[in-house]
Amino acid sequence: MSEPVIAAHKPILVETEAGKSYFWCSCGRSKNQP
């Protein structure tokens, strides 16, 4: 990965549940961005 890819220039609202762990890729190359 030579250059980062910006997935979005704004925050994204994600509904979460208390007590659960969430992991995501912040590189911008994921096929399933949050």
PDB file of N, CA and C in Angstrom:
ATOM      1  N   MET A   1       0.834  -1.176   0.000  1.00  0.00           N
ATOM      2  CA  MET A   1       0.000   0.000   0.000  1.00  0.00           C
ATOM      3  C   MET A   1       0.878   1.238   0.000  1.00  0.00           C
ATOM      4  N   SER A   2       1.015   1.834  -1.115  1.00  0.00           N
ATOM      5  CA  SER A   2       1.862   3.014  -1.207  1.00  0.00           C
ATOM      6  C   SER A   2       1.129   4.285  -0.786  1.00  0.00           C
ATOM      7  N   GLU A   3      -0.096   4.455  -1.203  1.00  0.00           N
ATOM      8  CA  GLU A   3      -0.875   5.646  -0.875  1.00  0.00           C
ATOM      9  C   GLU A   3      -2.192   5.240  -0.223  1.00  0.00           C
ATOM     10  N   PRO A   4      -2.612   5.926   0.841  1.00  0.00           N
ATOM     11  CA  PRO A   4      -3.907   5.613   1.451  1.00  0.00           C
ATOM     12  C   PRO A   4      -5.051   6.033   0.535  1.00  0.00           C
ATOM     13  N   VAL A   5      -6.167   5.318   0.620  1.00  0.00           N
ATOM     14  CA  VAL A   5      -7.366   5.640  -0.140  1.00  0.00           C
ATOM     15  C   VAL A   5      -8.399   6.148   0.855  1.00  0.00           C
ATOM     16  N   ILE A   6      -8.916   7.332   0.654  1.00  0.00           N
ATOM     17  CA  ILE A   6      -9.902   7.903   1.563  1.00  0.00           C
ATOM     18  C   ILE A   6     -11.279   7.391   1.166  1.00  0.00           C
ATOM     19  N   ALA A   7     -11.929   6.680   2.088  1.00  0.00           N
ATOM     20  CA  ALA A   7     -13.246   6.106   1.802  1.00  0.00           C
ATOM     21  C   ALA A   7     -14.333   7.174   1.786  1.00  0.00           C
ATOM     22  N   ALA A   8     -14.222   8.155   2.666  1.00  0.00           N
ATOM     23  CA  ALA A   8     -15.212   9.232   2.736  1.00  0.00           C
ATOM     24  C   ALA A   8     -14.594  10.429   3.443  1.00  0.00           C
ATOM     25  N   HIS A   9     -15.107  11.585   3.142  1.00  0.00           N
ATOM     26  CA  HIS A   9     -14.624  12.813   3.782  1.00  0.00           C
ATOM     27  C   HIS A   9     -15.599  13.297   4.846  1.00  0.00           C
ATOM     28  N   LYS A  10     -16.392  12.378   5.383  1.00  0.00           N
ATOM     29  CA  LYS A  10     -17.367  12.732   6.413  1.00  0.00           C
ATOM     30  C   LYS A  10     -17.537  11.550   7.361  1.00  0.00           C
ATOM     31  N   PRO A  11     -18.023  11.793   8.567  1.00  0.00           N
ATOM     32  CA  PRO A  11     -18.262  10.691   9.498  1.00  0.00           C
ATOM     33  C   PRO A  11     -19.435   9.829   9.028  1.00  0.00           C
ATOM     34  N   ILE A  12     -19.438   8.569   9.438  1.00  0.00           N
ATOM     35  CA  ILE A  12     -20.500   7.636   9.070  1.00  0.00           C
ATOM     36  C   ILE A  12     -21.146   7.124  10.351  1.00  0.00           C
ATOM     37  N   LEU A  13     -22.471   7.239  10.455  1.00  0.00           N
ATOM     38  CA  LEU A  13     -23.206   6.768  11.620  1.00  0.00           C
ATOM     39  C   LEU A  13     -23.337   5.251  11.558  1.00  0.00           C
ATOM     40  N   VAL A  14     -22.975   4.585  12.648  1.00  0.00           N
ATOM     41  CA  VAL A  14     -23.079   3.132  12.724  1.00  0.00           C
ATOM     42  C   VAL A  14     -23.785   2.783  14.028  1.00  0.00           C
ATOM     43  N   GLU A  15     -24.881   2.025  13.943  1.00  0.00           N
ATOM     44  CA  GLU A  15     -25.590   1.580  15.139  1.00  0.00           C
ATOM     45  C   GLU A  15     -24.782   0.460  15.788  1.00  0.00           C
ATOM     46  N   THR A  16     -24.561   0.543  17.094  1.00  0.00           N
ATOM     47  CA  THR A  16     -23.804  -0.479  17.820  1.00  0.00           C
ATOM     48  C   THR A  16     -24.608  -0.974  19.015  1.00  0.00           C
ATOM     49  N   GLU A  17     -24.162  -2.092  19.581  1.00  0.00           N
ATOM     50  CA  GLU A  17     -24.807  -2.657  20.760  1.00  0.00           C
ATOM     51  C   GLU A  17     -23.809  -2.673  21.906  1.00  0.00           C
ATOM     52  N   ALA A  18     -24.277  -2.344  23.094  1.00  0.00           N
ATOM     53  CA  ALA A  18     -23.420  -2.338  24.280  1.00  0.00           C
ATOM     54  C   ALA A  18     -22.884  -3.740  24.550  1.00  0.00           C
ATOM     55  N   GLY A  19     -21.624  -3.831  24.922  1.00  0.00           N
ATOM     56  CA  GLY A  19     -21.019  -5.109  25.275  1.00  0.00           C
ATOM     57  C   GLY A  19     -20.427  -5.874  24.104  1.00  0.00           C
ATOM     58  N   LYS A  20     -20.602  -5.400  22.874  1.00  0.00           N
ATOM     59  CA  LYS A  20     -20.041  -6.071  21.701  1.00  0.00           C
ATOM     60  C   LYS A  20     -18.779  -5.352  21.247  1.00  0.00           C
ATOM     61  N   SER A  21     -17.878  -6.099  20.623  1.00  0.00           N
ATOM     62  CA  SER A  21     -16.656  -5.519  20.059  1.00  0.00           C
ATOM     63  C   SER A  21     -16.824  -5.372  18.554  1.00  0.00           C
ATOM     64  N   TYR A  22     -16.341  -4.267  18.021  1.00  0.00           N
ATOM     65  CA  TYR A  22     -16.434  -4.004  16.590  1.00  0.00           C
ATOM     66  C   TYR A  22     -15.046  -3.687  16.051  1.00  0.00           C
ATOM     67  N   PHE A  23     -14.731  -4.254  14.896  1.00  0.00           N
ATOM     68  CA  PHE A  23     -13.445  -4.032  14.248  1.00  0.00           C
ATOM     69  C   PHE A  23     -13.705  -3.578  12.822  1.00  0.00           C
ATOM     70  N   TRP A  24     -12.871  -2.673  12.319  1.00  0.00           N
ATOM     71  CA  TRP A  24     -13.027  -2.199  10.949  1.00  0.00           C
ATOM     72  C   TRP A  24     -11.678  -1.826  10.372  1.00  0.00           C
ATOM     73  N   CYS A  25     -11.633  -1.800   9.066  1.00  0.00           N
ATOM     74  CA  CYS A  25     -10.422  -1.418   8.344  1.00  0.00           C
ATOM     75  C   CYS A  25     -10.525   0.073   8.025  1.00  0.00           C
ATOM     76  N   SER A  26      -9.508   0.832   8.378  1.00  0.00           N
ATOM     77  CA  SER A  26      -9.538   2.271   8.109  1.00  0.00           C
ATOM     78  C   SER A  26      -8.617   2.672   6.959  1.00  0.00           C
ATOM     79  N   CYS A  27      -8.129   1.686   6.199  1.00  0.00           N
ATOM     80  CA  CYS A  27      -7.195   1.991   5.113  1.00  0.00           C
ATOM     81  C   CYS A  27      -7.910   2.499   3.863  1.00  0.00           C
ATOM     82  N   GLY A  28      -9.224   2.241   3.742  1.00  0.00           N
ATOM     83  CA  GLY A  28      -9.975   2.670   2.567  1.00  0.00           C
ATOM     84  C   GLY A  28      -9.975   1.656   1.447  1.00  0.00           C
ATOM     85  N   ARG A  29      -9.315   0.523   1.622  1.00  0.00           N
ATOM     86  CA  ARG A  29      -9.249  -0.492   0.576  1.00  0.00           C
ATOM     87  C   ARG A  29     -10.194  -1.665   0.827  1.00  0.00           C
ATOM     88  N   SER A  30     -10.932  -1.629   1.932  1.00  0.00           N
ATOM     89  CA  SER A  30     -11.868  -2.696   2.258  1.00  0.00           C
ATOM     90  C   SER A  30     -13.043  -2.676   1.285  1.00  0.00           C
ATOM     91  N   LYS A  31     -13.533  -3.847   0.889  1.00  0.00           N
ATOM     92  CA  LYS A  31     -14.687  -3.915  -0.004  1.00  0.00           C
ATOM     93  C   LYS A  31     -15.975  -3.578   0.733  1.00  0.00           C
ATOM     94  N   ASN A  32     -15.971  -3.713   2.052  1.00  0.00           N
ATOM     95  CA  ASN A  32     -17.166  -3.446   2.861  1.00  0.00           C
ATOM     96  C   ASN A  32     -16.876  -2.353   3.877  1.00  0.00           C
ATOM     97  N   GLN A  33     -16.780  -1.123   3.429  1.00  0.00           N
ATOM     98  CA  GLN A  33     -16.549  -0.010   4.339  1.00  0.00           C
ATOM     99  C   GLN A  33     -17.767   0.163   5.234  1.00  0.00           C
ATOM    100  N   PRO A  34     -17.551   0.544   6.492  1.00  0.00           N
ATOM    101  CA  PRO A  34     -18.691   0.750   7.399  1.00  0.00           C
ATOM    102  C   PRO A  34     -19.560   1.912   6.957  1.00  0.00           C
TER     103      PRO A  34
END
